[in-house]
């Protein structure tokens, strides 16, 4: 194992790290697994996957994220507000120095990785962490450089992670002992006080959401796959709405499961791995994810297991509903090795509707596509964020990824609208949530039905089927769909109490109207009219 601090082009001393016990650079997965076990950070499952418990934090902590304000013209680009809360340079520098002091005499693990699969948009990054298993997570999630790239690797951004280091809110200007600080000028991210590795992943995504649009590339919170004929499909949605599940299909090649860029020439994966929700994972329903999570070197967060046999129990929610599996993309047999493909023919917006009133599939006009993209309606599922309860919560997350957008949503929406128009992309709204009643009364739409509807859209079968208007949302819904009961398609017909349905539908429409007021003066009148309206 290499422990010199001179490995790579950028030295650790140049990044302020000194007097370390050891600096372990780019250890292979087997060595990181050994280190994780030896240091009691993790246990090994009977299949060879690493199982870790992240303790108090089993999801992201969005209220503890800050963006550094520099009082320069660069600040004008940032979408300041609830998502991007400002912190001063001085406060950032103080906390950074405290972290550097904390790491003296400790062992750190360094992974030099890449993000952005297309050669024209590769961004070199460095993850420095005090946990071996988080280095393994980074190896699984990001793009692994070639041997030649490793020799000359010069990180453009560095993510410094100290899970056991806690801030003092009274002194450090944080909201709690946990912090996620993003400094675009210094190209440095600081993470402390949380063991949840999703913070590493999403901090890097935030960086790409800053860098890519400034180069004319639309960065997207979506999964992507490609069919045998080269037809690309995108699946937008928040965590838990089905991006990974629906894009991991045996009959299509997976480009990536969560984050992508759309350039003038292609769709490309931002990452090199997958981060799947695993609660109640079943091999018969999600065989690709099931197999990948059983492989040596995969990282399972907060997944329960039998202490004697070490057999994984994906059905258990003992620690959280937000159980996770991280694994390299090459653990999925039919993935796109290059990480990029052509322009999409179909886009699916995934909304897990907890009210149970949205149709399971509908075709959107270009104006409706812009409306629903800016709205980003879904229901946050249990455990994906700190303090999220056991029941889904209806929310509007603009561009289906507001927590990760450093720039104004209009930047992303304008890019999407231009690309949809230029490439004549078909856009669909998919409800992966409830039907026949709201959460607690109705039932979750069955995965085989959702798969059948998406398959029919991809195959062009729905182009040959007549459309009907949903009476409440004005959406175009197919009158039939192969392998799906016709009564499933118009949700109000499944409710026993039509008055209750109307009340729920009107209530959700009011939420849409209220949320969209923030965009009403910034988009064409046709986009505002394309949304649902009471009255």
Protein backbone atom coordinates (compact mmCIF):
# COMPACT_ATOMS: atom_id res chain seq x y z
CA UNK A 1 0.00 0.00 0.00
CA UNK A 2 1.32 3.41 -0.97
CA UNK A 3 1.41 5.86 1.87
CA UNK A 4 3.67 8.57 0.44
CA UNK A 5 2.11 12.01 0.23
CA UNK A 6 3.82 12.67 -3.12
CA UNK A 7 1.73 10.25 -5.16
CA UNK A 8 -0.06 11.99 -8.03
CA UNK A 9 0.45 15.44 -9.48
CA UNK A 10 -1.24 17.31 -6.64
CA UNK A 11 0.46 16.71 -3.29
CA UNK A 12 -1.46 16.49 -0.05
CA UNK A 13 0.82 19.17 1.43
CA UNK A 14 -0.42 21.51 -1.28
CA UNK A 15 -3.94 20.83 -0.01
CA UNK A 16 -3.02 21.64 3.58
CA UNK A 17 -2.80 18.07 4.88
CA UNK A 18 0.28 17.56 7.04
CA UNK A 19 1.55 15.32 9.86
CA UNK A 20 -0.77 12.47 8.92
CA UNK A 21 -0.33 9.00 10.37
CA UNK A 22 -0.74 7.61 6.84
CA UNK A 23 -2.09 8.68 3.47
CA UNK A 24 -3.31 5.66 1.50
CA UNK A 25 -3.68 6.50 -2.17
CA UNK A 26 -6.03 4.73 -4.57
CA UNK A 27 -6.15 1.36 -2.83
CA UNK A 28 -7.93 -1.33 -4.85
CA UNK A 29 -11.35 -2.55 -3.68
CA UNK A 30 -9.97 -5.69 -2.01
CA UNK A 31 -7.58 -3.64 0.14
CA UNK A 32 -10.34 -1.18 1.04
CA UNK A 33 -12.61 -4.07 2.04
CA UNK A 34 -9.83 -5.42 4.27
CA UNK A 35 -9.24 -2.02 5.83
CA UNK A 36 -12.97 -1.52 6.45
CA UNK A 37 -13.19 -4.86 8.26
CA UNK A 38 -9.93 -4.45 10.21
CA UNK A 39 -10.97 -1.01 11.43
CA UNK A 40 -14.45 -2.27 12.46
CA UNK A 41 -16.10 0.15 10.06
CA UNK A 42 -18.06 -2.60 8.33
CA UNK A 43 -18.87 -6.30 8.22
CA UNK A 44 -18.76 -8.65 5.25
CA UNK A 45 -21.98 -10.26 4.05
CA UNK A 46 -22.14 -13.90 2.99
CA UNK A 47 -22.03 -12.73 -0.65
CA UNK A 48 -18.98 -10.48 -0.23
CA UNK A 49 -20.74 -7.12 -0.07
CA UNK A 50 -19.63 -4.65 2.60
CA UNK A 51 -22.37 -3.69 5.07
CA UNK A 52 -22.08 -0.41 7.00
CA UNK A 53 -24.30 1.37 9.48
CA UNK A 54 -24.28 5.16 9.15
CA UNK A 55 -25.72 5.74 12.62
CA UNK A 56 -27.84 8.82 13.24
CA UNK A 57 -27.85 9.94 9.62
CA UNK A 58 -29.44 7.47 7.23
CA UNK A 59 -30.27 10.12 4.64
CA UNK A 60 -29.11 13.51 3.44
CA UNK A 61 -29.19 16.56 5.69
CA UNK A 62 -30.23 19.37 3.28
CA UNK A 63 -30.62 21.98 6.02
CA UNK A 64 -26.92 21.66 6.85
CA UNK A 65 -25.69 22.54 3.36
CA UNK A 66 -24.07 25.92 2.63
CA UNK A 67 -22.60 27.59 -0.45
CA UNK A 68 -19.69 29.97 0.08
CA UNK A 69 -20.37 33.60 -0.82
CA UNK A 70 -17.39 35.57 -2.14
CA UNK A 71 -18.97 38.98 -2.79
CA UNK A 72 -17.85 38.90 -6.43
CA UNK A 73 -19.66 38.79 -9.77
CA UNK A 74 -19.45 35.01 -9.54
CA UNK A 75 -22.06 35.14 -6.76
CA UNK A 76 -24.66 36.53 -9.17
CA UNK A 77 -24.98 33.15 -10.85
CA UNK A 78 -25.99 31.33 -7.65
CA UNK A 79 -29.65 30.63 -6.90
CA UNK A 80 -29.51 31.95 -3.33
CA UNK A 81 -32.27 30.96 -0.95
CA UNK A 82 -33.43 27.88 0.92
CA UNK A 83 -31.40 25.49 -1.26
CA UNK A 84 -28.20 27.53 -1.48
CA UNK A 85 -27.72 29.17 1.90
CA UNK A 86 -24.74 31.55 1.95
CA UNK A 87 -21.74 31.22 4.25
CA UNK A 88 -18.83 33.65 4.42
CA UNK A 89 -15.33 32.83 3.19
CA UNK A 90 -14.00 33.50 6.67
CA UNK A 91 -16.31 30.95 8.30
CA UNK A 92 -15.41 28.40 5.62
CA UNK A 93 -11.67 28.93 6.09
CA UNK A 94 -11.92 28.57 9.88
CA UNK A 95 -13.79 25.29 9.62
CA UNK A 96 -11.38 24.05 6.95
CA UNK A 97 -8.41 24.72 9.22
CA UNK A 98 -10.14 22.90 12.07
CA UNK A 99 -10.65 19.85 9.84
CA UNK A 100 -7.01 19.88 8.75
CA UNK A 101 -5.91 20.04 12.39
CA UNK A 102 -8.32 17.23 13.30
CA UNK A 103 -6.76 14.95 10.65
CA UNK A 104 -3.21 15.32 11.96
CA UNK A 105 -2.03 11.99 13.33
CA UNK A 106 -4.84 10.13 11.54
CA UNK A 107 -5.00 7.85 8.52
CA UNK A 108 -6.73 9.17 5.41
CA UNK A 109 -7.84 7.38 2.27
CA UNK A 110 -7.55 9.15 -1.06
CA UNK A 111 -9.39 8.21 -4.23
CA UNK A 112 -8.51 10.10 -7.40
CA UNK A 113 -11.54 9.68 -9.64
CA UNK A 114 -13.34 11.21 -12.64
CA UNK A 115 -16.87 12.41 -13.27
CA UNK A 116 -18.37 12.95 -16.72
CA UNK A 117 -18.03 9.92 -19.00
CA UNK A 118 -17.68 11.83 -22.28
CA UNK A 119 -14.03 12.67 -23.04
CA UNK A 120 -14.91 16.31 -23.74
CA UNK A 121 -16.46 16.80 -20.29
CA UNK A 122 -14.41 14.70 -17.89
CA UNK A 123 -13.76 16.41 -14.57
CA UNK A 124 -10.98 15.02 -12.31
CA UNK A 125 -11.87 14.94 -8.61
CA UNK A 126 -10.23 13.79 -5.40
CA UNK A 127 -12.09 12.32 -2.42
CA UNK A 128 -10.19 12.40 0.89
CA UNK A 129 -11.87 10.62 3.80
CA UNK A 130 -11.02 9.14 7.18
CA UNK A 131 -13.14 6.05 6.43
CA UNK A 132 -11.93 3.18 4.26
CA UNK A 133 -15.48 2.20 3.36
CA UNK A 134 -16.22 5.70 2.04
CA UNK A 135 -13.16 5.41 -0.20
CA UNK A 136 -14.63 2.11 -1.46
CA UNK A 137 -17.98 3.88 -1.98
CA UNK A 138 -16.20 6.55 -4.04
CA UNK A 139 -14.47 3.85 -6.09
CA UNK A 140 -17.86 2.26 -6.79
CA UNK A 141 -19.75 5.47 -7.57
CA UNK A 142 -17.38 7.58 -9.64
CA UNK A 143 -15.49 6.92 -12.87
CA UNK A 144 -12.24 5.04 -12.41
CA UNK A 145 -9.32 6.65 -14.30
CA UNK A 146 -7.16 4.59 -16.64
CA UNK A 147 -3.60 3.82 -15.57
CA UNK A 148 -2.36 6.63 -17.81
CA UNK A 149 -4.90 9.10 -16.42
CA UNK A 150 -3.96 8.13 -12.87
CA UNK A 151 -0.31 9.13 -13.41
CA UNK A 152 -1.19 12.68 -14.48
CA UNK A 153 -4.35 13.08 -12.40
CA UNK A 154 -4.70 16.66 -11.18
CA UNK A 155 -7.95 17.11 -9.22
CA UNK A 156 -10.04 20.07 -10.25
CA UNK A 157 -12.30 19.62 -7.21
CA UNK A 158 -11.51 18.02 -3.85
CA UNK A 159 -14.10 16.60 -1.44
CA UNK A 160 -12.76 16.42 2.13
CA UNK A 161 -14.87 14.13 4.33
CA UNK A 162 -14.54 13.78 8.12
CA UNK A 163 -17.60 11.91 9.40
CA UNK A 164 -16.41 11.90 13.02
CA UNK A 165 -15.54 15.61 13.09
CA UNK A 166 -18.33 17.83 14.38
CA UNK A 167 -18.79 21.57 14.02
CA UNK A 168 -19.71 23.91 16.85
CA UNK A 169 -22.72 25.88 15.57
CA UNK A 170 -22.12 28.78 17.97
CA UNK A 171 -18.57 29.23 16.76
CA UNK A 172 -18.59 27.89 13.19
CA UNK A 173 -21.80 29.44 11.86
CA UNK A 174 -23.43 26.12 11.02
CA UNK A 175 -26.95 25.06 11.92
CA UNK A 176 -25.83 21.92 13.71
CA UNK A 177 -22.73 19.80 14.22
CA UNK A 178 -23.22 18.52 10.67
CA UNK A 179 -22.13 20.50 7.63
CA UNK A 180 -21.82 20.26 3.86
CA UNK A 181 -19.93 23.30 2.53
CA UNK A 182 -19.48 23.92 -1.21
CA UNK A 183 -16.84 26.43 -2.30
CA UNK A 184 -16.95 26.90 -6.08
CA UNK A 185 -14.11 29.43 -6.11
CA UNK A 186 -11.66 27.23 -4.19
CA UNK A 187 -13.15 24.12 -5.81
CA UNK A 188 -13.37 22.45 -2.43
CA UNK A 189 -16.21 20.65 -0.63
CA UNK A 190 -16.12 20.03 3.13
CA UNK A 191 -18.35 17.36 4.71
CA UNK A 192 -18.44 16.62 8.44
CA UNK A 193 -20.63 15.25 11.19
CA UNK A 194 -22.43 12.67 9.02
CA UNK A 195 -21.49 9.16 7.90
CA UNK A 196 -24.11 8.99 5.15
CA UNK A 197 -22.14 8.58 1.90
CA UNK A 198 -24.94 10.04 -0.20
CA UNK A 199 -23.60 13.46 0.83
CA UNK A 200 -20.39 12.73 -1.11
CA UNK A 201 -22.32 11.66 -4.20
CA UNK A 202 -24.70 14.63 -4.19
CA UNK A 203 -21.98 17.18 -3.46
CA UNK A 204 -20.19 16.06 -6.62
CA UNK A 205 -23.48 16.29 -8.51
CA UNK A 206 -23.92 19.85 -7.21
CA UNK A 207 -20.47 20.65 -8.61
CA UNK A 208 -21.44 19.26 -12.01
CA UNK A 209 -24.71 21.20 -11.91
CA UNK A 210 -22.56 24.31 -11.56
CA UNK A 211 -19.88 23.48 -14.11
CA UNK A 212 -21.81 21.84 -16.95
CA UNK A 213 -24.49 24.48 -17.78
CA UNK A 214 -21.72 27.08 -17.98
CA UNK A 215 -20.34 24.94 -20.83
CA UNK A 216 -23.70 24.61 -22.58
CA UNK A 217 -24.39 21.12 -21.20
CA UNK A 218 -27.65 20.30 -19.43
CA UNK A 219 -26.89 18.40 -16.22
CA UNK A 220 -29.84 16.25 -15.18
CA UNK A 221 -31.10 14.26 -12.21
CA UNK A 222 -32.15 11.30 -14.32
CA UNK A 223 -31.28 7.75 -15.27
CA UNK A 224 -30.74 6.71 -18.89
CA UNK A 225 -30.74 3.59 -21.00
CA UNK A 226 -30.60 2.68 -24.69
CA UNK A 227 -32.43 0.08 -26.76
CA UNK A 228 -31.13 -2.30 -29.41
CA UNK A 229 -31.96 0.24 -32.14
CA UNK A 230 -29.96 2.96 -30.41
CA UNK A 231 -33.02 4.73 -28.99
CA UNK A 232 -32.12 6.54 -25.75
CA UNK A 233 -34.59 7.12 -22.91
CA UNK A 234 -34.25 9.40 -19.87
CA UNK A 235 -36.01 8.92 -16.52
CA UNK A 236 -36.24 12.04 -14.32
CA UNK A 237 -37.27 11.78 -10.69
CA UNK A 238 -36.34 12.28 -7.08
CA UNK A 239 -34.90 9.53 -4.91
CA UNK A 240 -37.19 6.54 -4.59
CA UNK A 241 -39.43 7.31 -7.58
CA UNK A 242 -37.98 4.51 -9.70
CA UNK A 243 -35.08 5.92 -11.74
CA UNK A 244 -32.73 3.04 -11.00
CA UNK A 245 -35.41 0.36 -11.11
CA UNK A 246 -37.02 1.44 -14.39
CA UNK A 247 -33.78 2.10 -16.23
CA UNK A 248 -32.24 -1.23 -15.14
CA UNK A 249 -34.04 -3.33 -17.71
CA UNK A 250 -32.75 -6.69 -19.06
CA UNK A 251 -33.76 -5.77 -22.63
CA UNK A 252 -32.01 -2.37 -22.70
CA UNK A 253 -28.45 -1.24 -21.96
CA UNK A 254 -27.96 0.94 -18.90
CA UNK A 255 -26.08 4.21 -19.45
CA UNK A 256 -26.46 5.27 -15.82
CA UNK A 257 -28.96 5.27 -12.97
CA UNK A 258 -29.04 8.81 -11.56
CA UNK A 259 -27.03 11.69 -13.06
CA UNK A 260 -26.37 12.63 -16.68
CA UNK A 261 -25.27 15.41 -18.97
CA UNK A 262 -26.84 16.29 -22.33
CA UNK A 263 -24.40 17.95 -24.69
CA UNK A 264 -24.69 18.96 -28.35
CA UNK A 265 -23.57 15.47 -29.35
CA UNK A 266 -24.77 12.97 -26.75
CA UNK A 267 -26.16 11.90 -23.41
CA UNK A 268 -23.37 10.94 -21.02
CA UNK A 269 -23.24 9.47 -17.54
CA UNK A 270 -21.80 11.73 -14.87
CA UNK A 271 -20.96 8.78 -12.61
CA UNK A 272 -19.36 5.36 -12.90
CA UNK A 273 -21.65 3.45 -10.58
CA UNK A 274 -25.16 3.10 -9.16
CA UNK A 275 -26.72 3.97 -5.80
CA UNK A 276 -29.94 2.01 -5.56
CA UNK A 277 -32.62 1.94 -2.90
CA UNK A 278 -32.76 -1.64 -1.68
CA UNK A 279 -35.72 -1.76 0.69
CA UNK A 280 -37.81 -4.84 -0.14
CA UNK A 281 -35.55 -5.63 -3.11
CA UNK A 282 -36.72 -8.78 -4.93
CA UNK A 283 -34.71 -10.80 -7.49
CA UNK A 284 -37.81 -11.54 -9.57
CA UNK A 285 -38.70 -7.84 -9.90
CA UNK A 286 -35.26 -6.20 -10.01
CA UNK A 287 -32.77 -8.92 -10.97
CA UNK A 288 -30.00 -6.60 -12.15
CA UNK A 289 -29.96 -4.59 -8.93
CA UNK A 290 -30.31 -7.72 -6.81
CA UNK A 291 -27.31 -9.36 -8.46
CA UNK A 292 -25.14 -6.22 -8.28
CA UNK A 293 -25.82 -5.75 -4.56
CA UNK A 294 -24.59 -9.29 -3.87
CA UNK A 295 -21.20 -8.76 -5.49
CA UNK A 296 -17.85 -8.44 -3.72
CA UNK A 297 -16.97 -4.78 -3.23
CA UNK A 298 -20.53 -3.44 -3.27
CA UNK A 299 -21.37 -1.20 -0.32
CA UNK A 300 -24.69 -1.66 1.47
CA UNK A 301 -25.75 1.16 3.78
CA UNK A 302 -28.01 0.40 6.74
CA UNK A 303 -29.15 -2.93 5.34
CA UNK A 304 -30.07 -5.51 7.98
CA UNK A 305 -28.55 -9.01 8.03
CA UNK A 306 -28.53 -12.26 9.98
CA UNK A 307 -25.63 -12.03 12.45
CA UNK A 308 -24.94 -15.77 12.24
CA UNK A 309 -25.20 -16.46 8.51
CA UNK A 310 -24.41 -12.89 7.34
CA UNK A 311 -27.28 -13.27 4.89
CA UNK A 312 -28.74 -9.92 3.81
CA UNK A 313 -32.32 -9.07 4.76
CA UNK A 314 -33.54 -6.52 2.21
CA UNK A 315 -37.07 -6.62 3.64
CA UNK A 316 -36.02 -5.22 7.00
CA UNK A 317 -36.46 -1.54 7.76
CA UNK A 318 -34.94 -1.82 11.23
CA UNK A 319 -32.51 1.04 10.62
CA UNK A 320 -34.31 3.01 7.92
CA UNK A 321 -36.54 2.78 4.85
CA UNK A 322 -33.68 4.40 2.94
CA UNK A 323 -31.44 1.35 2.69
CA UNK A 324 -28.91 1.71 -0.13
CA UNK A 325 -26.63 -0.31 -2.36
CA UNK A 326 -23.63 1.22 -4.14
CA UNK A 327 -21.90 -0.74 -6.90
CA UNK A 328 -19.82 -0.09 -10.03
CA UNK A 329 -21.67 0.17 -13.33
CA UNK A 330 -19.77 -2.83 -14.68
CA UNK A 331 -21.61 -4.97 -12.12
CA UNK A 332 -24.61 -4.52 -14.43
CA UNK A 333 -24.11 -6.99 -17.28
CA UNK A 334 -25.78 -4.98 -20.03
CA UNK A 335 -24.37 -1.51 -19.43
CA UNK A 336 -22.94 0.93 -21.98
CA UNK A 337 -19.21 0.63 -21.49
CA UNK A 338 -18.35 4.07 -22.89
CA UNK A 339 -20.90 5.77 -20.61
CA UNK A 340 -22.50 7.79 -23.40
CA UNK A 341 -24.93 7.43 -26.30
CA UNK A 342 -27.00 9.55 -28.70
CA UNK A 343 -29.82 12.02 -28.11
CA UNK A 344 -32.99 10.73 -26.39
CA UNK A 345 -36.19 9.87 -28.21
CA UNK A 346 -38.28 9.59 -25.03
CA UNK A 347 -38.19 11.35 -21.66
CA UNK A 348 -40.14 10.12 -18.63
CA UNK A 349 -40.91 12.36 -15.64
CA UNK A 350 -41.44 10.08 -12.61
CA UNK A 351 -43.76 11.28 -9.85
CA UNK A 352 -44.64 9.11 -6.88
CA UNK A 353 -48.04 10.72 -6.29
CA UNK A 354 -49.06 10.16 -2.67
CA UNK A 355 -52.52 11.64 -3.33
CA UNK A 356 -53.29 8.84 -5.81
CA UNK A 357 -54.86 11.16 -8.40
CA UNK A 358 -52.35 11.46 -11.25
CA UNK A 359 -52.76 9.09 -14.23
CA UNK A 360 -50.16 6.31 -14.35
CA UNK A 361 -49.03 7.50 -17.80
CA UNK A 362 -49.77 10.56 -19.91
CA UNK A 363 -48.23 12.19 -22.99
CA UNK A 364 -47.11 15.80 -22.48
CA UNK A 365 -47.13 18.65 -24.96
CA UNK A 366 -43.91 20.73 -25.13
CA UNK A 367 -45.60 23.37 -22.93
CA UNK A 368 -46.74 20.76 -20.41
CA UNK A 369 -43.22 19.30 -20.41
CA UNK A 370 -41.80 22.66 -19.33
CA UNK A 371 -44.53 23.10 -16.71
CA UNK A 372 -44.01 19.70 -15.09
CA UNK A 373 -40.21 19.95 -15.30
CA UNK A 374 -40.22 23.26 -13.44
CA UNK A 375 -42.80 21.92 -10.98
CA UNK A 376 -40.92 18.69 -10.25
CA UNK A 377 -43.85 17.22 -8.34
CA UNK A 378 -43.40 13.99 -6.42
CA UNK A 379 -43.62 12.60 -2.90
CA UNK A 380 -40.44 12.30 -0.88
CA UNK A 381 -40.24 8.77 0.39
CA UNK A 382 -39.48 7.78 3.94
CA UNK A 383 -35.92 8.13 5.18
CA UNK A 384 -34.33 9.79 2.13
CA UNK A 385 -33.67 12.94 4.15
CA UNK A 386 -33.10 13.71 7.82
CA UNK A 387 -36.34 14.25 9.79
CA UNK A 388 -38.51 12.80 7.03
CA UNK A 389 -41.17 10.69 8.71
CA UNK A 390 -42.53 7.26 7.92
CA UNK A 391 -45.12 8.55 5.43
CA UNK A 392 -44.46 10.07 1.99
CA UNK A 393 -44.59 13.87 1.84
CA UNK A 394 -45.85 15.67 -1.26
CA UNK A 395 -43.28 18.11 -2.53
CA UNK A 396 -42.28 20.22 -5.50
CA UNK A 397 -38.59 19.96 -6.35
CA UNK A 398 -37.95 22.04 -9.45
CA UNK A 399 -36.18 20.25 -12.30
CA UNK A 400 -36.68 17.06 -10.25
CA UNK A 401 -33.57 17.94 -8.26
CA UNK A 402 -33.79 21.33 -6.52
CA UNK A 403 -31.48 20.38 -3.60
CA UNK A 404 -28.60 19.98 -6.05
CA UNK A 405 -29.09 23.08 -8.24
CA UNK A 406 -26.63 25.89 -7.55
CA UNK A 407 -27.84 27.95 -10.54
CA UNK A 408 -31.32 29.36 -11.12
CA UNK A 409 -33.79 26.70 -12.35
CA UNK A 410 -34.40 28.75 -15.48
CA UNK A 411 -30.89 27.89 -16.69
CA UNK A 412 -31.70 24.18 -16.69
CA UNK A 413 -35.26 24.59 -17.96
CA UNK A 414 -34.17 26.71 -20.92
CA UNK A 415 -31.56 24.13 -21.91
CA UNK A 416 -34.09 21.30 -21.64
CA UNK A 417 -36.70 23.16 -23.70
CA UNK A 418 -34.20 23.90 -26.45
CA UNK A 419 -33.03 20.30 -26.64
CA UNK A 420 -36.53 18.80 -26.58
CA UNK A 421 -37.55 21.06 -29.47
CA UNK A 422 -34.36 20.52 -31.46
CA UNK A 423 -34.47 16.72 -31.21
CA UNK A 424 -38.29 16.32 -31.25
CA UNK A 425 -38.32 14.27 -28.04
CA UNK A 426 -41.51 12.69 -26.75
CA UNK A 427 -42.16 13.47 -23.07
CA UNK A 428 -44.28 11.37 -20.70
CA UNK A 429 -45.48 11.86 -17.13
CA UNK A 430 -45.42 8.61 -15.14
CA UNK A 431 -47.07 8.16 -11.75
CA UNK A 432 -45.11 5.53 -9.82
CA UNK A 433 -47.08 6.32 -6.66
CA UNK A 434 -50.56 5.39 -5.52
CA UNK A 435 -53.82 4.48 -7.24
CA UNK A 436 -57.36 3.79 -6.07
CA UNK A 437 -56.85 6.09 -3.09
CA UNK A 438 -54.23 8.19 -1.38
CA UNK A 439 -51.32 6.78 0.63
CA UNK A 440 -52.75 4.61 3.42
CA UNK A 441 -55.97 3.90 1.50
CA UNK A 442 -54.98 3.10 -2.06
CA UNK A 443 -52.18 0.83 -3.23
CA UNK A 444 -48.82 1.47 -4.86
CA UNK A 445 -49.02 1.03 -8.63
CA UNK A 446 -47.57 -2.37 -9.45
CA UNK A 447 -44.10 -2.32 -10.99
CA UNK A 448 -45.02 -4.74 -13.83
CA UNK A 449 -47.77 -2.30 -14.93
CA UNK A 450 -45.38 0.64 -14.93
CA UNK A 451 -42.83 -1.39 -16.88
CA UNK A 452 -45.50 -2.34 -19.43
CA UNK A 453 -46.55 1.29 -19.94
CA UNK A 454 -42.97 2.43 -20.43
CA UNK A 455 -42.29 -0.46 -22.78
CA UNK A 456 -45.33 0.51 -24.88
CA UNK A 457 -44.16 4.12 -25.03
CA UNK A 458 -40.62 3.10 -26.03
CA UNK A 459 -41.85 0.68 -28.70
CA UNK A 460 -44.11 3.29 -30.24
CA UNK A 461 -47.24 1.26 -29.47
CA UNK A 462 -48.88 4.20 -27.68
CA UNK A 463 -48.45 6.33 -30.81
CA UNK A 464 -51.05 4.10 -32.47
CA UNK A 465 -53.53 4.25 -29.59
CA UNK A 466 -56.14 6.99 -29.19
CA UNK A 467 -55.75 9.45 -26.35
CA UNK A 468 -58.38 10.67 -23.88
CA UNK A 469 -58.28 13.75 -21.69
CA UNK A 470 -58.02 13.32 -17.96
CA UNK A 471 -60.99 15.37 -16.67
CA UNK A 472 -59.06 17.06 -13.85
CA UNK A 473 -55.48 17.60 -15.01
CA UNK A 474 -56.12 17.93 -18.75
CA UNK A 475 -53.46 15.32 -19.51
CA UNK A 476 -53.53 13.09 -22.60
CA UNK A 477 -53.98 9.50 -21.41
CA UNK A 478 -54.05 6.42 -23.70
CA UNK A 479 -57.41 4.64 -23.81
CA UNK A 480 -55.59 1.31 -23.56
CA UNK A 481 -52.12 -0.11 -23.08
CA UNK A 482 -50.82 -3.64 -23.69
CA UNK A 483 -50.59 -5.73 -20.50
CA UNK A 484 -52.29 -3.05 -18.38
CA UNK A 485 -55.95 -3.15 -17.26
CA UNK A 486 -57.83 -0.33 -19.01
CA UNK A 487 -59.41 0.83 -15.74
CA UNK A 488 -55.92 1.61 -14.40
CA UNK A 489 -55.39 4.43 -16.88
CA UNK A 490 -57.93 6.95 -15.58
CA UNK A 491 -57.39 7.04 -11.80
CA UNK A 492 -60.77 8.50 -10.80
CA UNK A 493 -62.48 5.29 -11.99
CA UNK A 494 -60.61 3.25 -9.37
CA UNK A 495 -61.75 5.32 -6.39
CA UNK A 496 -64.79 3.97 -4.54
CA UNK A 497 -65.70 7.50 -3.46
CA UNK A 498 -65.65 9.86 -6.47
CA UNK A 499 -66.28 12.86 -4.20
CA UNK A 500 -63.17 11.98 -2.21
CA UNK A 501 -61.20 11.69 -5.44
CA UNK A 502 -62.33 15.11 -6.64
CA UNK A 503 -61.40 16.67 -3.31
CA UNK A 504 -57.92 15.15 -3.46
CA UNK A 505 -57.48 16.13 -7.11
CA UNK A 506 -58.60 19.73 -6.52
CA UNK A 507 -56.30 19.92 -3.54
CA UNK A 508 -53.28 18.80 -5.56
CA UNK A 509 -54.16 21.20 -8.39
CA UNK A 510 -54.22 24.05 -5.88
CA UNK A 511 -50.73 23.01 -4.76
CA UNK A 512 -49.53 23.08 -8.36
CA UNK A 513 -51.00 26.55 -8.87
CA UNK A 514 -49.48 27.93 -5.70
CA UNK A 515 -46.05 26.46 -6.40
CA UNK A 516 -45.93 27.71 -9.99
CA UNK A 517 -46.51 31.33 -9.02
CA UNK A 518 -42.73 31.66 -8.57
CA UNK A 519 -42.22 30.94 -12.29
CA UNK A 520 -45.31 32.63 -13.76
CA UNK A 521 -43.51 35.86 -14.71
CA UNK A 522 -40.49 34.07 -16.15
CA UNK A 523 -42.07 31.65 -18.64
CA UNK A 524 -44.39 32.12 -21.66
CA UNK A 525 -48.10 32.34 -20.92
CA UNK A 526 -48.60 29.07 -22.85
CA UNK A 527 -46.51 27.22 -20.25
CA UNK A 528 -48.56 28.64 -17.36
CA UNK A 529 -51.79 27.63 -19.14
CA UNK A 530 -50.44 24.12 -19.73
CA UNK A 531 -50.63 23.28 -16.04
CA UNK A 532 -53.71 22.07 -14.15
CA UNK A 533 -56.17 24.73 -12.95
CA UNK A 534 -59.18 24.76 -10.66
CA UNK A 535 -62.23 26.65 -11.83
